[in-house]
Amino acid sequence: MQGELGVSRAIGNAQLKKFIIAEPEIKQHALNIDDSLLVLATDGLYRTYSDSQIVSKVMALRQAGYNLAQISEKILDECL
């Protein structure tokens, strides 16, 4: 039943309403000059990568010359 939770968020499922909350998890961070990356993602990304893994992966791909669109595509393919 829990494997169906993603579908219930997308199209609605009355049977799973008691497991769904309307309040998103929010974190605030004031951007500063030392910040070089902002990863905006769903929990699906973090089923494949930890926070530190995704940052390391993105930074390594940027260093290798990939642009952000290519990095997003590559990471998406790996997650799928």
PDB file of N, CA and C in Angstrom:
ATOM      1  N   MET A   1       0.819  -1.186   0.000  1.00  0.00           N
ATOM      2  CA  MET A   1       0.000   0.000   0.000  1.00  0.00           C
ATOM      3  C   MET A   1       0.870   1.259   0.000  1.00  0.00           C
ATOM      4  N   GLN A   2       2.004   1.233   0.744  1.00  0.00           N
ATOM      5  CA  GLN A   2       2.848   2.417   0.797  1.00  0.00           C
ATOM      6  C   GLN A   2       3.518   2.702  -0.546  1.00  0.00           C
ATOM      7  N   GLY A   3       3.742   1.679  -1.376  1.00  0.00           N
ATOM      8  CA  GLY A   3       4.332   1.884  -2.679  1.00  0.00           C
ATOM      9  C   GLY A   3       3.447   2.697  -3.603  1.00  0.00           C
ATOM     10  N   GLU A   4       2.194   2.848  -3.252  1.00  0.00           N
ATOM     11  CA  GLU A   4       1.230   3.587  -4.055  1.00  0.00           C
ATOM     12  C   GLU A   4       1.128   5.049  -3.652  1.00  0.00           C
ATOM     13  N   LEU A   5       1.889   5.464  -2.646  1.00  0.00           N
ATOM     14  CA  LEU A   5       1.760   6.820  -2.130  1.00  0.00           C
ATOM     15  C   LEU A   5       2.084   7.869  -3.179  1.00  0.00           C
ATOM     16  N   GLY A   6       3.118   7.662  -4.011  1.00  0.00           N
ATOM     17  CA  GLY A   6       3.459   8.617  -5.057  1.00  0.00           C
ATOM     18  C   GLY A   6       2.320   8.833  -6.023  1.00  0.00           C
ATOM     19  N   VAL A   7       1.626   7.780  -6.373  1.00  0.00           N
ATOM     20  CA  VAL A   7       0.481   7.882  -7.279  1.00  0.00           C
ATOM     21  C   VAL A   7      -0.650   8.651  -6.612  1.00  0.00           C
ATOM     22  N   SER A   8      -0.854   8.425  -5.323  1.00  0.00           N
ATOM     23  CA  SER A   8      -1.949   9.115  -4.643  1.00  0.00           C
ATOM     24  C   SER A   8      -1.714  10.618  -4.609  1.00  0.00           C
ATOM     25  N   ARG A   9      -0.436  11.042  -4.541  1.00  0.00           N
ATOM     26  CA  ARG A   9      -0.140  12.472  -4.560  1.00  0.00           C
ATOM     27  C   ARG A   9      -0.455  13.061  -5.928  1.00  0.00           C
ATOM     28  N   ALA A  10      -0.212  12.291  -6.960  1.00  0.00           N
ATOM     29  CA  ALA A  10      -0.389  12.797  -8.321  1.00  0.00           C
ATOM     30  C   ALA A  10      -1.854  12.871  -8.724  1.00  0.00           C
ATOM     31  N   ILE A  11      -2.626  11.827  -8.444  1.00  0.00           N
ATOM     32  CA  ILE A  11      -4.008  11.790  -8.935  1.00  0.00           C
ATOM     33  C   ILE A  11      -5.061  11.697  -7.837  1.00  0.00           C
ATOM     34  N   GLY A  12      -4.625  11.497  -6.614  1.00  0.00           N
ATOM     35  CA  GLY A  12      -5.579  11.409  -5.511  1.00  0.00           C
ATOM     36  C   GLY A  12      -6.043   9.975  -5.281  1.00  0.00           C
ATOM     37  N   ASN A  13      -6.126   9.596  -4.034  1.00  0.00           N
ATOM     38  CA  ASN A  13      -6.573   8.268  -3.662  1.00  0.00           C
ATOM     39  C   ASN A  13      -7.170   8.368  -2.262  1.00  0.00           C
ATOM     40  N   ALA A  14      -8.468   8.258  -2.176  1.00  0.00           N
ATOM     41  CA  ALA A  14      -9.174   8.436  -0.911  1.00  0.00           C
ATOM     42  C   ALA A  14      -8.708   7.449   0.162  1.00  0.00           C
ATOM     43  N   GLN A  15      -8.323   6.236  -0.233  1.00  0.00           N
ATOM     44  CA  GLN A  15      -7.888   5.232   0.740  1.00  0.00           C
ATOM     45  C   GLN A  15      -6.583   5.624   1.437  1.00  0.00           C
ATOM     46  N   LEU A  16      -5.764   6.423   0.785  1.00  0.00           N
ATOM     47  CA  LEU A  16      -4.467   6.786   1.344  1.00  0.00           C
ATOM     48  C   LEU A  16      -4.436   8.189   1.938  1.00  0.00           C
ATOM     49  N   LYS A  17      -5.572   8.871   1.992  1.00  0.00           N
ATOM     50  CA  LYS A  17      -5.612  10.248   2.488  1.00  0.00           C
ATOM     51  C   LYS A  17      -5.021  10.378   3.892  1.00  0.00           C
ATOM     52  N   LYS A  18      -5.223   9.372   4.746  1.00  0.00           N
ATOM     53  CA  LYS A  18      -4.732   9.480   6.122  1.00  0.00           C
ATOM     54  C   LYS A  18      -3.206   9.454   6.202  1.00  0.00           C
ATOM     55  N   PHE A  19      -2.522   9.032   5.133  1.00  0.00           N
ATOM     56  CA  PHE A  19      -1.066   8.973   5.117  1.00  0.00           C
ATOM     57  C   PHE A  19      -0.426  10.207   4.489  1.00  0.00           C
ATOM     58  N   ILE A  20      -1.225  11.106   3.939  1.00  0.00           N
ATOM     59  CA  ILE A  20      -0.717  12.252   3.199  1.00  0.00           C
ATOM     60  C   ILE A  20      -0.925  13.525   4.011  1.00  0.00           C
ATOM     61  N   ILE A  21       0.126  14.336   4.096  1.00  0.00           N
ATOM     62  CA  ILE A  21       0.008  15.617   4.784  1.00  0.00           C
ATOM     63  C   ILE A  21       0.039  16.736   3.750  1.00  0.00           C
ATOM     64  N   ALA A  22      -0.610  17.829   4.077  1.00  0.00           N
ATOM     65  CA  ALA A  22      -0.678  18.949   3.144  1.00  0.00           C
ATOM     66  C   ALA A  22       0.490  19.916   3.316  1.00  0.00           C
ATOM     67  N   GLU A  23       1.231  19.799   4.423  1.00  0.00           N
ATOM     68  CA  GLU A  23       2.337  20.715   4.671  1.00  0.00           C
ATOM     69  C   GLU A  23       3.641  20.152   4.107  1.00  0.00           C
ATOM     70  N   PRO A  24       4.284  20.881   3.209  1.00  0.00           N
ATOM     71  CA  PRO A  24       5.561  20.408   2.674  1.00  0.00           C
ATOM     72  C   PRO A  24       6.683  20.595   3.698  1.00  0.00           C
ATOM     73  N   GLU A  25       7.742  19.823   3.538  1.00  0.00           N
ATOM     74  CA  GLU A  25       8.928  20.027   4.362  1.00  0.00           C
ATOM     75  C   GLU A  25       9.691  21.194   3.758  1.00  0.00           C
ATOM     76  N   ILE A  26       9.968  22.198   4.549  1.00  0.00           N
ATOM     77  CA  ILE A  26      10.612  23.413   4.046  1.00  0.00           C
ATOM     78  C   ILE A  26      11.874  23.685   4.849  1.00  0.00           C
ATOM     79  N   LYS A  27      12.938  23.998   4.133  1.00  0.00           N
ATOM     80  CA  LYS A  27      14.179  24.421   4.772  1.00  0.00           C
ATOM     81  C   LYS A  27      14.547  25.772   4.195  1.00  0.00           C
ATOM     82  N   GLN A  28      14.989  26.687   5.043  1.00  0.00           N
ATOM     83  CA  GLN A  28      15.405  28.008   4.578  1.00  0.00           C
ATOM     84  C   GLN A  28      16.907  28.146   4.726  1.00  0.00           C
ATOM     85  N   HIS A  29      17.514  28.779   3.727  1.00  0.00           N
ATOM     86  CA  HIS A  29      18.956  29.026   3.751  1.00  0.00           C
ATOM     87  C   HIS A  29      19.204  30.333   3.016  1.00  0.00           C
ATOM     88  N   ALA A  30      19.851  31.246   3.663  1.00  0.00           N
ATOM     89  CA  ALA A  30      20.204  32.507   3.020  1.00  0.00           C
ATOM     90  C   ALA A  30      21.425  32.254   2.128  1.00  0.00           C
ATOM     91  N   LEU A  31      21.276  32.512   0.839  1.00  0.00           N
ATOM     92  CA  LEU A  31      22.377  32.296  -0.088  1.00  0.00           C
ATOM     93  C   LEU A  31      23.487  33.302   0.177  1.00  0.00           C
ATOM     94  N   ASN A  32      24.724  32.828   0.024  1.00  0.00           N
ATOM     95  CA  ASN A  32      25.863  33.722   0.195  1.00  0.00           C
ATOM     96  C   ASN A  32      26.900  33.449  -0.886  1.00  0.00           C
ATOM     97  N   ILE A  33      27.965  34.193  -0.881  1.00  0.00           N
ATOM     98  CA  ILE A  33      28.987  34.134  -1.924  1.00  0.00           C
ATOM     99  C   ILE A  33      29.660  32.768  -2.013  1.00  0.00           C
ATOM    100  N   ASP A  34      29.674  32.017  -0.931  1.00  0.00           N
ATOM    101  CA  ASP A  34      30.314  30.701  -0.919  1.00  0.00           C
ATOM    102  C   ASP A  34      29.444  29.599  -1.518  1.00  0.00           C
ATOM    103  N   ASP A  35      28.162  29.868  -1.707  1.00  0.00           N
ATOM    104  CA  ASP A  35      27.256  28.871  -2.287  1.00  0.00           C
ATOM    105  C   ASP A  35      27.484  28.787  -3.784  1.00  0.00           C
ATOM    106  N   SER A  36      27.694  27.572  -4.281  1.00  0.00           N
ATOM    107  CA  SER A  36      27.909  27.405  -5.716  1.00  0.00           C
ATOM    108  C   SER A  36      26.868  26.493  -6.353  1.00  0.00           C
ATOM    109  N   LEU A  37      25.975  25.938  -5.542  1.00  0.00           N
ATOM    110  CA  LEU A  37      25.052  24.948  -6.066  1.00  0.00           C
ATOM    111  C   LEU A  37      23.779  24.930  -5.235  1.00  0.00           C
ATOM    112  N   LEU A  38      22.655  24.841  -5.913  1.00  0.00           N
ATOM    113  CA  LEU A  38      21.364  24.656  -5.258  1.00  0.00           C
ATOM    114  C   LEU A  38      20.697  23.474  -5.946  1.00  0.00           C
ATOM    115  N   VAL A  39      20.433  22.430  -5.196  1.00  0.00           N
ATOM    116  CA  VAL A  39      19.754  21.252  -5.744  1.00  0.00           C
ATOM    117  C   VAL A  39      18.303  21.326  -5.298  1.00  0.00           C
ATOM    118  N   LEU A  40      17.428  21.467  -6.258  1.00  0.00           N
ATOM    119  CA  LEU A  40      15.993  21.501  -5.999  1.00  0.00           C
ATOM    120  C   LEU A  40      15.435  20.195  -6.552  1.00  0.00           C
ATOM    121  N   ALA A  41      14.963  19.325  -5.671  1.00  0.00           N
ATOM    122  CA  ALA A  41      14.584  17.986  -6.111  1.00  0.00           C
ATOM    123  C   ALA A  41      13.458  17.428  -5.252  1.00  0.00           C
ATOM    124  N   THR A  42      12.873  16.366  -5.747  1.00  0.00           N
ATOM    125  CA  THR A  42      11.873  15.632  -4.983  1.00  0.00           C
ATOM    126  C   THR A  42      12.563  14.527  -4.195  1.00  0.00           C
ATOM    127  N   ASP A  43      11.797  13.849  -3.365  1.00  0.00           N
ATOM    128  CA  ASP A  43      12.371  12.761  -2.580  1.00  0.00           C
ATOM    129  C   ASP A  43      12.855  11.608  -3.459  1.00  0.00           C
ATOM    130  N   GLY A  44      12.390  11.543  -4.697  1.00  0.00           N
ATOM    131  CA  GLY A  44      12.845  10.486  -5.603  1.00  0.00           C
ATOM    132  C   GLY A  44      14.341  10.516  -5.834  1.00  0.00           C
ATOM    133  N   LEU A  45      14.932  11.700  -5.893  1.00  0.00           N
ATOM    134  CA  LEU A  45      16.381  11.811  -6.067  1.00  0.00           C
ATOM    135  C   LEU A  45      17.098  11.200  -4.875  1.00  0.00           C
ATOM    136  N   TYR A  46      16.565  11.417  -3.700  1.00  0.00           N
ATOM    137  CA  TYR A  46      17.223  10.962  -2.483  1.00  0.00           C
ATOM    138  C   TYR A  46      16.956   9.498  -2.164  1.00  0.00           C
ATOM    139  N   ARG A  47      16.196   8.833  -3.005  1.00  0.00           N
ATOM    140  CA  ARG A  47      16.098   7.376  -2.918  1.00  0.00           C
ATOM    141  C   ARG A  47      17.304   6.741  -3.600  1.00  0.00           C
ATOM    142  N   THR A  48      17.959   7.510  -4.467  1.00  0.00           N
ATOM    143  CA  THR A  48      19.131   7.020  -5.188  1.00  0.00           C
ATOM    144  C   THR A  48      20.419   7.570  -4.596  1.00  0.00           C
ATOM    145  N   TYR A  49      20.421   8.820  -4.193  1.00  0.00           N
ATOM    146  CA  TYR A  49      21.625   9.494  -3.697  1.00  0.00           C
ATOM    147  C   TYR A  49      21.392  10.099  -2.315  1.00  0.00           C
ATOM    148  N   SER A  50      22.456  10.139  -1.522  1.00  0.00           N
ATOM    149  CA  SER A  50      22.419  10.912  -0.273  1.00  0.00           C
ATOM    150  C   SER A  50      22.723  12.368  -0.621  1.00  0.00           C
ATOM    151  N   ASP A  51      22.567  13.264   0.342  1.00  0.00           N
ATOM    152  CA  ASP A  51      22.891  14.678   0.112  1.00  0.00           C
ATOM    153  C   ASP A  51      24.320  14.839  -0.387  1.00  0.00           C
ATOM    154  N   SER A  52      25.258  14.233   0.316  1.00  0.00           N
ATOM    155  CA  SER A  52      26.671  14.401  -0.047  1.00  0.00           C
ATOM    156  C   SER A  52      26.989  13.742  -1.382  1.00  0.00           C
ATOM    157  N   GLN A  53      26.344  12.621  -1.696  1.00  0.00           N
ATOM    158  CA  GLN A  53      26.588  11.958  -2.978  1.00  0.00           C
ATOM    159  C   GLN A  53      26.132  12.822  -4.149  1.00  0.00           C
ATOM    160  N   ILE A  54      24.968  13.440  -4.034  1.00  0.00           N
ATOM    161  CA  ILE A  54      24.466  14.233  -5.155  1.00  0.00           C
ATOM    162  C   ILE A  54      25.331  15.474  -5.357  1.00  0.00           C
ATOM    163  N   VAL A  55      25.763  16.099  -4.279  1.00  0.00           N
ATOM    164  CA  VAL A  55      26.632  17.267  -4.416  1.00  0.00           C
ATOM    165  C   VAL A  55      27.954  16.861  -5.068  1.00  0.00           C
ATOM    166  N   SER A  56      28.547  15.781  -4.607  1.00  0.00           N
ATOM    167  CA  SER A  56      29.806  15.306  -5.197  1.00  0.00           C
ATOM    168  C   SER A  56      29.636  14.973  -6.673  1.00  0.00           C
ATOM    169  N   LYS A  57      28.536  14.314  -7.005  1.00  0.00           N
ATOM    170  CA  LYS A  57      28.283  13.920  -8.392  1.00  0.00           C
ATOM    171  C   LYS A  57      28.115  15.153  -9.284  1.00  0.00           C
ATOM    172  N   VAL A  58      27.306  16.109  -8.861  1.00  0.00           N
ATOM    173  CA  VAL A  58      27.080  17.315  -9.660  1.00  0.00           C
ATOM    174  C   VAL A  58      28.381  18.097  -9.832  1.00  0.00           C
ATOM    175  N   MET A  59      29.131  18.262  -8.764  1.00  0.00           N
ATOM    176  CA  MET A  59      30.381  19.016  -8.851  1.00  0.00           C
ATOM    177  C   MET A  59      31.388  18.317  -9.769  1.00  0.00           C
ATOM    178  N   ALA A  60      31.469  16.997  -9.695  1.00  0.00           N
ATOM    179  CA  ALA A  60      32.392  16.249 -10.557  1.00  0.00           C
ATOM    180  C   ALA A  60      31.989  16.382 -12.024  1.00  0.00           C
ATOM    181  N   LEU A  61      30.694  16.307 -12.304  1.00  0.00           N
ATOM    182  CA  LEU A  61      30.232  16.442 -13.687  1.00  0.00           C
ATOM    183  C   LEU A  61      30.450  17.857 -14.216  1.00  0.00           C
ATOM    184  N   ARG A  62      30.270  18.859 -13.365  1.00  0.00           N
ATOM    185  CA  ARG A  62      30.547  20.244 -13.779  1.00  0.00           C
ATOM    186  C   ARG A  62      32.035  20.390 -14.100  1.00  0.00           C
ATOM    187  N   GLN A  63      32.881  19.811 -13.255  1.00  0.00           N
ATOM    188  CA  GLN A  63      34.328  19.865 -13.458  1.00  0.00           C
ATOM    189  C   GLN A  63      34.724  19.161 -14.763  1.00  0.00           C
ATOM    190  N   ALA A  64      33.975  18.125 -15.133  1.00  0.00           N
ATOM    191  CA  ALA A  64      34.252  17.370 -16.364  1.00  0.00           C
ATOM    192  C   ALA A  64      33.728  18.083 -17.606  1.00  0.00           C
ATOM    193  N   GLY A  65      33.046  19.219 -17.423  1.00  0.00           N
ATOM    194  CA  GLY A  65      32.600  20.012 -18.562  1.00  0.00           C
ATOM    195  C   GLY A  65      31.150  19.848 -18.967  1.00  0.00           C
ATOM    196  N   TYR A  66      30.394  19.078 -18.209  1.00  0.00           N
ATOM    197  CA  TYR A  66      28.969  18.931 -18.511  1.00  0.00           C
ATOM    198  C   TYR A  66      28.238  20.219 -18.133  1.00  0.00           C
ATOM    199  N   ASN A  67      27.234  20.608 -18.936  1.00  0.00           N
ATOM    200  CA  ASN A  67      26.414  21.750 -18.544  1.00  0.00           C
ATOM    201  C   ASN A  67      25.283  21.254 -17.633  1.00  0.00           C
ATOM    202  N   LEU A  68      24.540  22.174 -17.029  1.00  0.00           N
ATOM    203  CA  LEU A  68      23.532  21.776 -16.047  1.00  0.00           C
ATOM    204  C   LEU A  68      22.415  20.917 -16.649  1.00  0.00           C
ATOM    205  N   ALA A  69      22.040  21.194 -17.883  1.00  0.00           N
ATOM    206  CA  ALA A  69      21.006  20.368 -18.537  1.00  0.00           C
ATOM    207  C   ALA A  69      21.510  18.939 -18.714  1.00  0.00           C
ATOM    208  N   GLN A  70      22.763  18.785 -19.128  1.00  0.00           N
ATOM    209  CA  GLN A  70      23.339  17.449 -19.302  1.00  0.00           C
ATOM    210  C   GLN A  70      23.462  16.718 -17.964  1.00  0.00           C
ATOM    211  N   ILE A  71      23.832  17.448 -16.937  1.00  0.00           N
ATOM    212  CA  ILE A  71      23.947  16.851 -15.603  1.00  0.00           C
ATOM    213  C   ILE A  71      22.583  16.365 -15.131  1.00  0.00           C
ATOM    214  N   SER A  72      21.569  17.189 -15.297  1.00  0.00           N
ATOM    215  CA  SER A  72      20.212  16.808 -14.896  1.00  0.00           C
ATOM    216  C   SER A  72      19.756  15.559 -15.635  1.00  0.00           C
ATOM    217  N   GLU A  73      20.002  15.532 -16.926  1.00  0.00           N
ATOM    218  CA  GLU A  73      19.617  14.360 -17.742  1.00  0.00           C
ATOM    219  C   GLU A  73      20.333  13.102 -17.287  1.00  0.00           C
ATOM    220  N   LYS A  74      21.625  13.216 -17.051  1.00  0.00           N
ATOM    221  CA  LYS A  74      22.421  12.068 -16.624  1.00  0.00           C
ATOM    222  C   LYS A  74      21.949  11.535 -15.273  1.00  0.00           C
ATOM    223  N   ILE A  75      21.720  12.421 -14.332  1.00  0.00           N
ATOM    224  CA  ILE A  75      21.279  12.005 -13.017  1.00  0.00           C
ATOM    225  C   ILE A  75      19.870  11.410 -13.070  1.00  0.00           C
ATOM    226  N   LEU A  76      19.005  12.006 -13.851  1.00  0.00           N
ATOM    227  CA  LEU A  76      17.654  11.477 -14.019  1.00  0.00           C
ATOM    228  C   LEU A  76      17.700  10.057 -14.586  1.00  0.00           C
ATOM    229  N   ASP A  77      18.520   9.845 -15.605  1.00  0.00           N
ATOM    230  CA  ASP A  77      18.655   8.509 -16.198  1.00  0.00           C
ATOM    231  C   ASP A  77      19.121   7.494 -15.159  1.00  0.00           C
ATOM    232  N   GLU A  78      20.068   7.886 -14.318  1.00  0.00           N
ATOM    233  CA  GLU A  78      20.576   6.976 -13.291  1.00  0.00           C
ATOM    234  C   GLU A  78      19.507   6.672 -12.241  1.00  0.00           C
ATOM    235  N   CYS A  79      18.728   7.663 -11.894  1.00  0.00           N
ATOM    236  CA  CYS A  79      17.668   7.447 -10.901  1.00  0.00           C
ATOM    237  C   CYS A  79      16.580   6.524 -11.422  1.00  0.00           C
ATOM    238  N   LEU A  80      16.276   6.653 -12.699  1.00  0.00           N
ATOM    239  CA  LEU A  80      15.233   5.806 -13.278  1.00  0.00           C
ATOM    240  C   LEU A  80      15.710   4.389 -13.417  1.00  0.00           C
TER     241      LEU A  80
END
